[in-house]
């Protein structure tokens, strides 16, 4: 009867294949699940973690075996790995199973130190040019468009976003506030503005004109604009 290392021999070409496909920034390791103290049976780019053939199994790999994680899934992917010196990897582990027995693990560890270096360089460059972060609102903003229609469209979008709640359809008073603001800013002087505003608010063009009439005349009587879809 074959021992565990002999049963793992057919997987050696797979380890070489994965290494050739992934490249020099990926460490690919074949672990023998039956020999925790000298589990590394094959390894490519071992210099990334400092390991070699005969190195012991990691604490995580031992825990996965101890908790029989392999019985619930075939692999776990894209978790964080670290060396004792703090070098970071994005790691994935595939469980080699035959007839319900766990023979070994194939681990792929992506060294992301190069990407971290690039990320720091880009961040330093952004800081040098005072580029604001994506989700941080600047004190002063400017929208650059090359047409009056583009400027009007931007005003329509920004006004609706500022006045309405994105989690629900705009209420009647919100629609009126949007139209009043856009009227004061002269947006209705732009060709196609009524249609664009109607579409953005989910109302008809006649309804927009009714709101406009109410705003221009100062009519505070009963508002019937919502009778139209």
C-alpha atoms as a PDB file:
ATOM      1  CA  UNK A   1       0.000   0.000   0.000  1.00  0.00           C
ATOM      2  CA  UNK A   2       1.312   3.452  -0.979  1.00  0.00           C
ATOM      3  CA  UNK A   3       2.246   5.889   1.759  1.00  0.00           C
ATOM      4  CA  UNK A   4       0.918   9.438   1.729  1.00  0.00           C
ATOM      5  CA  UNK A   5       3.920  10.991  -0.034  1.00  0.00           C
ATOM      6  CA  UNK A   6       3.670   8.466  -2.854  1.00  0.00           C
ATOM      7  CA  UNK A   7      -0.046   9.219  -3.231  1.00  0.00           C
ATOM      8  CA  UNK A   8       0.814  12.921  -3.570  1.00  0.00           C
ATOM      9  CA  UNK A   9       3.302  12.398  -6.445  1.00  0.00           C
ATOM     10  CA  UNK A  10       0.639  12.792  -9.194  1.00  0.00           C
ATOM     11  CA  UNK A  11       0.017  16.331  -7.901  1.00  0.00           C
ATOM     12  CA  UNK A  12       3.626  17.483  -8.319  1.00  0.00           C
ATOM     13  CA  UNK A  13       3.101  18.540 -11.978  1.00  0.00           C
ATOM     14  CA  UNK A  14       0.068  20.584 -10.868  1.00  0.00           C
ATOM     15  CA  UNK A  15       2.246  22.532  -8.427  1.00  0.00           C
ATOM     16  CA  UNK A  16       4.740  23.274 -11.218  1.00  0.00           C
ATOM     17  CA  UNK A  17       1.907  24.248 -13.555  1.00  0.00           C
ATOM     18  CA  UNK A  18       0.375  26.695 -11.078  1.00  0.00           C
ATOM     19  CA  UNK A  19       3.747  28.295 -10.462  1.00  0.00           C
ATOM     20  CA  UNK A  20       4.377  28.723 -14.194  1.00  0.00           C
ATOM     21  CA  UNK A  21       0.942  30.271 -14.691  1.00  0.00           C
ATOM     22  CA  UNK A  22       0.997  32.588 -11.677  1.00  0.00           C
ATOM     23  CA  UNK A  23       4.556  33.891 -11.983  1.00  0.00           C
ATOM     24  CA  UNK A  24       7.377  34.961  -9.715  1.00  0.00           C
ATOM     25  CA  UNK A  25       5.272  36.799  -7.134  1.00  0.00           C
ATOM     26  CA  UNK A  26       3.398  33.617  -6.185  1.00  0.00           C
ATOM     27  CA  UNK A  27       4.661  30.940  -3.837  1.00  0.00           C
ATOM     28  CA  UNK A  28       3.086  27.548  -4.555  1.00  0.00           C
ATOM     29  CA  UNK A  29       3.369  24.865  -1.875  1.00  0.00           C
ATOM     30  CA  UNK A  30       2.330  21.218  -1.641  1.00  0.00           C
ATOM     31  CA  UNK A  31       1.808  20.072   1.965  1.00  0.00           C
ATOM     32  CA  UNK A  32       1.688  16.454   3.131  1.00  0.00           C
ATOM     33  CA  UNK A  33      -1.281  16.258   5.507  1.00  0.00           C
ATOM     34  CA  UNK A  34       0.210  13.205   7.253  1.00  0.00           C
ATOM     35  CA  UNK A  35       3.551  14.809   8.195  1.00  0.00           C
ATOM     36  CA  UNK A  36       3.005  18.133   9.919  1.00  0.00           C
ATOM     37  CA  UNK A  37       6.615  18.548  11.068  1.00  0.00           C
ATOM     38  CA  UNK A  38       8.016  18.199   7.532  1.00  0.00           C
ATOM     39  CA  UNK A  39       4.901  18.830   5.480  1.00  0.00           C
ATOM     40  CA  UNK A  40       6.375  20.847   2.575  1.00  0.00           C
ATOM     41  CA  UNK A  41       6.770  18.216  -0.133  1.00  0.00           C
ATOM     42  CA  UNK A  42       7.172  20.612  -3.078  1.00  0.00           C
ATOM     43  CA  UNK A  43       7.581  24.374  -3.261  1.00  0.00           C
ATOM     44  CA  UNK A  44       8.162  27.008  -5.928  1.00  0.00           C
ATOM     45  CA  UNK A  45       9.385  30.532  -5.127  1.00  0.00           C
ATOM     46  CA  UNK A  46      10.002  29.532  -1.538  1.00  0.00           C
ATOM     47  CA  UNK A  47      12.271  32.544  -1.125  1.00  0.00           C
ATOM     48  CA  UNK A  48       9.127  34.678  -0.788  1.00  0.00           C
ATOM     49  CA  UNK A  49       8.400  33.174   2.644  1.00  0.00           C
ATOM     50  CA  UNK A  50      11.805  31.674   3.388  1.00  0.00           C
ATOM     51  CA  UNK A  51      10.567  28.082   3.342  1.00  0.00           C
ATOM     52  CA  UNK A  52      11.915  24.995   1.577  1.00  0.00           C
ATOM     53  CA  UNK A  53      11.165  21.289   1.167  1.00  0.00           C
ATOM     54  CA  UNK A  54      10.884  19.716   4.625  1.00  0.00           C
ATOM     55  CA  UNK A  55       9.615  22.871   6.330  1.00  0.00           C
ATOM     56  CA  UNK A  56       6.781  22.392   8.836  1.00  0.00           C
ATOM     57  CA  UNK A  57       3.108  23.064   8.310  1.00  0.00           C
ATOM     58  CA  UNK A  58       1.745  26.478   9.268  1.00  0.00           C
ATOM     59  CA  UNK A  59      -0.485  26.966  12.285  1.00  0.00           C
ATOM     60  CA  UNK A  60      -3.436  27.801  10.021  1.00  0.00           C
ATOM     61  CA  UNK A  61      -3.012  24.643   7.949  1.00  0.00           C
ATOM     62  CA  UNK A  62      -2.867  22.558  11.125  1.00  0.00           C
ATOM     63  CA  UNK A  63      -6.019  24.239  12.410  1.00  0.00           C
ATOM     64  CA  UNK A  64      -7.871  23.618   9.130  1.00  0.00           C
ATOM     65  CA  UNK A  65      -6.995  19.938   9.393  1.00  0.00           C
ATOM     66  CA  UNK A  66      -7.807  19.761  13.096  1.00  0.00           C
ATOM     67  CA  UNK A  67     -11.210  21.395  12.563  1.00  0.00           C
ATOM     68  CA  UNK A  68     -11.823  19.225   9.456  1.00  0.00           C
ATOM     69  CA  UNK A  69     -12.616  22.257   7.325  1.00  0.00           C
ATOM     70  CA  UNK A  70     -11.904  20.105   4.263  1.00  0.00           C
ATOM     71  CA  UNK A  71     -15.080  18.120   4.956  1.00  0.00           C
ATOM     72  CA  UNK A  72     -17.201  21.238   4.402  1.00  0.00           C
ATOM     73  CA  UNK A  73     -15.462  22.759   1.386  1.00  0.00           C
ATOM     74  CA  UNK A  74     -12.921  21.992  -1.346  1.00  0.00           C
ATOM     75  CA  UNK A  75     -10.891  25.163  -0.872  1.00  0.00           C
ATOM     76  CA  UNK A  76     -10.657  28.500   0.896  1.00  0.00           C
ATOM     77  CA  UNK A  77      -9.525  31.507  -1.118  1.00  0.00           C
ATOM     78  CA  UNK A  78      -8.146  35.021  -0.775  1.00  0.00           C
ATOM     79  CA  UNK A  79      -7.402  35.268   2.939  1.00  0.00           C
ATOM     80  CA  UNK A  80      -4.545  37.244   4.476  1.00  0.00           C
ATOM     81  CA  UNK A  81      -1.271  35.505   5.139  1.00  0.00           C
ATOM     82  CA  UNK A  82       1.794  36.856   6.961  1.00  0.00           C
ATOM     83  CA  UNK A  83       5.357  35.840   7.708  1.00  0.00           C
ATOM     84  CA  UNK A  84       6.878  36.321  11.144  1.00  0.00           C
ATOM     85  CA  UNK A  85       8.615  39.435   9.811  1.00  0.00           C
ATOM     86  CA  UNK A  86       5.269  40.935   8.799  1.00  0.00           C
ATOM     87  CA  UNK A  87       5.422  40.347   5.042  1.00  0.00           C
ATOM     88  CA  UNK A  88       1.877  40.151   3.696  1.00  0.00           C
ATOM     89  CA  UNK A  89       0.361  37.682   1.246  1.00  0.00           C
ATOM     90  CA  UNK A  90      -3.027  36.988  -0.273  1.00  0.00           C
ATOM     91  CA  UNK A  91      -3.355  33.251   0.247  1.00  0.00           C
ATOM     92  CA  UNK A  92      -5.564  30.398  -0.935  1.00  0.00           C
ATOM     93  CA  UNK A  93      -5.629  26.716   0.005  1.00  0.00           C
ATOM     94  CA  UNK A  94      -6.946  23.736  -1.974  1.00  0.00           C
ATOM     95  CA  UNK A  95      -7.650  20.459  -0.165  1.00  0.00           C
ATOM     96  CA  UNK A  96      -6.444  17.306  -1.928  1.00  0.00           C
ATOM     97  CA  UNK A  97      -8.939  14.582  -1.095  1.00  0.00           C
ATOM     98  CA  UNK A  98      -9.300  11.015  -2.320  1.00  0.00           C
ATOM     99  CA  UNK A  99     -12.175   8.800  -1.227  1.00  0.00           C
ATOM    100  CA  UNK A 100     -12.873  11.121   1.679  1.00  0.00           C
ATOM    101  CA  UNK A 101      -9.279  11.103   2.946  1.00  0.00           C
ATOM    102  CA  UNK A 102      -7.274  14.324   3.110  1.00  0.00           C
ATOM    103  CA  UNK A 103      -3.914  13.686   1.438  1.00  0.00           C
ATOM    104  CA  UNK A 104      -2.513  17.165   1.311  1.00  0.00           C
ATOM    105  CA  UNK A 105      -2.964  20.856   0.646  1.00  0.00           C
ATOM    106  CA  UNK A 106      -1.904  23.038  -2.241  1.00  0.00           C
ATOM    107  CA  UNK A 107      -1.336  26.595  -1.027  1.00  0.00           C
ATOM    108  CA  UNK A 108      -0.860  29.589  -3.303  1.00  0.00           C
ATOM    109  CA  UNK A 109       0.545  32.692  -1.613  1.00  0.00           C
ATOM    110  CA  UNK A 110       0.639  35.958  -3.549  1.00  0.00           C
ATOM    111  CA  UNK A 111       3.357  38.354  -2.393  1.00  0.00           C
ATOM    112  CA  UNK A 112       1.676  41.795  -2.519  1.00  0.00           C
ATOM    113  CA  UNK A 113       4.661  43.832  -1.327  1.00  0.00           C
ATOM    114  CA  UNK A 114       5.191  45.145  -4.874  1.00  0.00           C
ATOM    115  CA  UNK A 115       1.608  46.377  -5.057  1.00  0.00           C
ATOM    116  CA  UNK A 116       1.920  47.960  -1.628  1.00  0.00           C
ATOM    117  CA  UNK A 117       4.997  49.836  -2.815  1.00  0.00           C
ATOM    118  CA  UNK A 118       3.111  51.103  -5.866  1.00  0.00           C
ATOM    119  CA  UNK A 119       0.123  52.037  -3.698  1.00  0.00           C
ATOM    120  CA  UNK A 120       2.336  54.095  -1.372  1.00  0.00           C
ATOM    121  CA  UNK A 121       3.990  55.795  -4.354  1.00  0.00           C
ATOM    122  CA  UNK A 122       0.612  56.673  -5.882  1.00  0.00           C
ATOM    123  CA  UNK A 123      -0.680  57.964  -2.546  1.00  0.00           C
ATOM    124  CA  UNK A 124       2.438  60.109  -2.110  1.00  0.00           C
ATOM    125  CA  UNK A 125       1.921  61.490  -5.613  1.00  0.00           C
ATOM    126  CA  UNK A 126      -1.738  62.274  -4.891  1.00  0.00           C
ATOM    127  CA  UNK A 127      -0.771  63.983  -1.646  1.00  0.00           C
ATOM    128  CA  UNK A 128       1.876  66.034  -3.452  1.00  0.00           C
ATOM    129  CA  UNK A 129      -0.714  67.296  -5.934  1.00  0.00           C
ATOM    130  CA  UNK A 130      -3.434  67.676  -3.270  1.00  0.00           C
ATOM    131  CA  UNK A 131      -5.804  65.248  -5.021  1.00  0.00           C
ATOM    132  CA  UNK A 132      -8.862  64.790  -2.743  1.00  0.00           C
ATOM    133  CA  UNK A 133      -9.922  61.303  -1.748  1.00  0.00           C
ATOM    134  CA  UNK A 134     -12.834  59.885  -3.723  1.00  0.00           C
ATOM    135  CA  UNK A 135     -15.411  59.858  -0.919  1.00  0.00           C
ATOM    136  CA  UNK A 136     -14.285  63.060   0.804  1.00  0.00           C
ATOM    137  CA  UNK A 137     -16.245  66.175  -0.157  1.00  0.00           C
ATOM    138  CA  UNK A 138     -14.023  69.168  -0.866  1.00  0.00           C
ATOM    139  CA  UNK A 139     -14.932  72.588   0.506  1.00  0.00           C
ATOM    140  CA  UNK A 140     -15.050  74.023  -3.025  1.00  0.00           C
ATOM    141  CA  UNK A 141     -16.035  71.972  -6.077  1.00  0.00           C
ATOM    142  CA  UNK A 142     -16.414  72.856  -9.729  1.00  0.00           C
ATOM    143  CA  UNK A 143     -18.062  70.885 -12.510  1.00  0.00           C
ATOM    144  CA  UNK A 144     -16.468  71.451 -15.893  1.00  0.00           C
ATOM    145  CA  UNK A 145     -18.789  71.013 -18.883  1.00  0.00           C
ATOM    146  CA  UNK A 146     -18.371  72.203 -22.434  1.00  0.00           C
ATOM    147  CA  UNK A 147     -22.019  73.123 -23.097  1.00  0.00           C
ATOM    148  CA  UNK A 148     -24.934  74.990 -21.553  1.00  0.00           C
ATOM    149  CA  UNK A 149     -26.974  71.769 -21.749  1.00  0.00           C
ATOM    150  CA  UNK A 150     -24.274  69.925 -19.840  1.00  0.00           C
ATOM    151  CA  UNK A 151     -24.208  72.562 -17.122  1.00  0.00           C
ATOM    152  CA  UNK A 152     -28.019  72.415 -16.830  1.00  0.00           C
ATOM    153  CA  UNK A 153     -27.990  68.636 -16.578  1.00  0.00           C
ATOM    154  CA  UNK A 154     -25.400  68.845 -13.814  1.00  0.00           C
ATOM    155  CA  UNK A 155     -27.503  71.403 -11.917  1.00  0.00           C
ATOM    156  CA  UNK A 156     -30.577  69.203 -12.248  1.00  0.00           C
ATOM    157  CA  UNK A 157     -28.769  66.139 -10.883  1.00  0.00           C
ATOM    158  CA  UNK A 158     -27.143  68.012  -8.016  1.00  0.00           C
ATOM    159  CA  UNK A 159     -30.329  69.829  -7.012  1.00  0.00           C
ATOM    160  CA  UNK A 160     -32.372  66.630  -6.933  1.00  0.00           C
ATOM    161  CA  UNK A 161     -29.642  64.858  -4.926  1.00  0.00           C
ATOM    162  CA  UNK A 162     -29.503  67.733  -2.424  1.00  0.00           C
ATOM    163  CA  UNK A 163     -33.261  68.079  -1.910  1.00  0.00           C
ATOM    164  CA  UNK A 164     -34.625  64.523  -2.129  1.00  0.00           C
ATOM    165  CA  UNK A 165     -34.010  61.324  -0.196  1.00  0.00           C
ATOM    166  CA  UNK A 166     -32.407  58.641  -2.433  1.00  0.00           C
ATOM    167  CA  UNK A 167     -34.066  55.891  -0.396  1.00  0.00           C
ATOM    168  CA  UNK A 168     -37.605  56.738  -1.565  1.00  0.00           C
ATOM    169  CA  UNK A 169     -39.514  58.558  -4.345  1.00  0.00           C
ATOM    170  CA  UNK A 170     -39.506  62.365  -3.959  1.00  0.00           C
ATOM    171  CA  UNK A 171     -42.488  63.881  -2.156  1.00  0.00           C
ATOM    172  CA  UNK A 172     -44.627  66.656  -3.633  1.00  0.00           C
ATOM    173  CA  UNK A 173     -42.986  69.378  -1.552  1.00  0.00           C
ATOM    174  CA  UNK A 174     -39.545  68.107  -2.552  1.00  0.00           C
ATOM    175  CA  UNK A 175     -40.463  68.167  -6.230  1.00  0.00           C
ATOM    176  CA  UNK A 176     -41.703  71.736  -5.866  1.00  0.00           C
ATOM    177  CA  UNK A 177     -38.513  72.729  -4.043  1.00  0.00           C
ATOM    178  CA  UNK A 178     -36.406  71.200  -6.821  1.00  0.00           C
ATOM    179  CA  UNK A 179     -38.334  73.024  -9.538  1.00  0.00           C
ATOM    180  CA  UNK A 180     -38.263  76.306  -7.613  1.00  0.00           C
ATOM    181  CA  UNK A 181     -34.478  76.064  -7.175  1.00  0.00           C
ATOM    182  CA  UNK A 182     -33.917  75.216 -10.836  1.00  0.00           C
ATOM    183  CA  UNK A 183     -36.251  78.061 -11.893  1.00  0.00           C
ATOM    184  CA  UNK A 184     -34.266  80.567  -9.841  1.00  0.00           C
ATOM    185  CA  UNK A 185     -31.047  79.314 -11.399  1.00  0.00           C
ATOM    186  CA  UNK A 186     -32.385  79.802 -14.918  1.00  0.00           C
ATOM    187  CA  UNK A 187     -32.306  76.136 -15.876  1.00  0.00           C
ATOM    188  CA  UNK A 188     -35.709  76.401 -17.591  1.00  0.00           C
ATOM    189  CA  UNK A 189     -34.148  78.708 -20.176  1.00  0.00           C
ATOM    190  CA  UNK A 190     -32.217  75.729 -21.504  1.00  0.00           C
ATOM    191  CA  UNK A 191     -33.653  73.699 -24.376  1.00  0.00           C
ATOM    192  CA  UNK A 192     -35.064  70.354 -23.230  1.00  0.00           C
ATOM    193  CA  UNK A 193     -34.909  71.237 -19.529  1.00  0.00           C
ATOM    194  CA  UNK A 194     -38.599  70.572 -18.850  1.00  0.00           C
ATOM    195  CA  UNK A 195     -38.422  67.063 -20.322  1.00  0.00           C
ATOM    196  CA  UNK A 196     -35.201  66.256 -18.450  1.00  0.00           C
ATOM    197  CA  UNK A 197     -36.568  67.512 -15.124  1.00  0.00           C
ATOM    198  CA  UNK A 198     -39.837  65.627 -15.619  1.00  0.00           C
ATOM    199  CA  UNK A 199     -37.962  62.382 -16.336  1.00  0.00           C
ATOM    200  CA  UNK A 200     -35.622  62.880 -13.379  1.00  0.00           C
ATOM    201  CA  UNK A 201     -38.510  63.489 -10.961  1.00  0.00           C
ATOM    202  CA  UNK A 202     -40.757  60.792 -12.432  1.00  0.00           C
ATOM    203  CA  UNK A 203     -43.562  63.182 -13.373  1.00  0.00           C
ATOM    204  CA  UNK A 204     -45.094  64.451 -16.603  1.00  0.00           C
ATOM    205  CA  UNK A 205     -44.175  67.651 -18.412  1.00  0.00           C
ATOM    206  CA  UNK A 206     -47.644  69.208 -17.709  1.00  0.00           C
ATOM    207  CA  UNK A 207     -47.024  68.583 -14.015  1.00  0.00           C
ATOM    208  CA  UNK A 208     -43.730  70.465 -14.229  1.00  0.00           C
ATOM    209  CA  UNK A 209     -45.546  73.395 -15.878  1.00  0.00           C
ATOM    210  CA  UNK A 210     -48.174  73.367 -13.103  1.00  0.00           C
ATOM    211  CA  UNK A 211     -45.452  73.613 -10.481  1.00  0.00           C
ATOM    212  CA  UNK A 212     -43.891  76.460 -12.469  1.00  0.00           C
ATOM    213  CA  UNK A 213     -47.202  78.295 -12.679  1.00  0.00           C
ATOM    214  CA  UNK A 214     -47.666  77.950  -8.936  1.00  0.00           C
ATOM    215  CA  UNK A 215     -44.140  79.260  -8.278  1.00  0.00           C
ATOM    216  CA  UNK A 216     -44.499  82.225 -10.667  1.00  0.00           C
ATOM    217  CA  UNK A 217     -47.934  83.295  -9.428  1.00  0.00           C
ATOM    218  CA  UNK A 218     -47.275  82.567  -5.772  1.00  0.00           C
ATOM    219  CA  UNK A 219     -50.447  80.491  -5.656  1.00  0.00           C
ATOM    220  CA  UNK A 220     -50.596  78.728  -2.299  1.00  0.00           C
ATOM    221  CA  UNK A 221     -53.972  77.107  -2.979  1.00  0.00           C
ATOM    222  CA  UNK A 222     -54.580  73.350  -3.101  1.00  0.00           C
ATOM    223  CA  UNK A 223     -51.882  71.617  -5.091  1.00  0.00           C
ATOM    224  CA  UNK A 224     -53.330  69.259  -7.717  1.00  0.00           C
ATOM    225  CA  UNK A 225     -50.081  68.526  -9.538  1.00  0.00           C
ATOM    226  CA  UNK A 226     -49.868  64.977  -8.239  1.00  0.00           C
ATOM    227  CA  UNK A 227     -53.018  64.018 -10.190  1.00  0.00           C
ATOM    228  CA  UNK A 228     -50.748  63.320 -13.159  1.00  0.00           C
ATOM    229  CA  UNK A 229     -48.354  60.370 -13.243  1.00  0.00           C
END
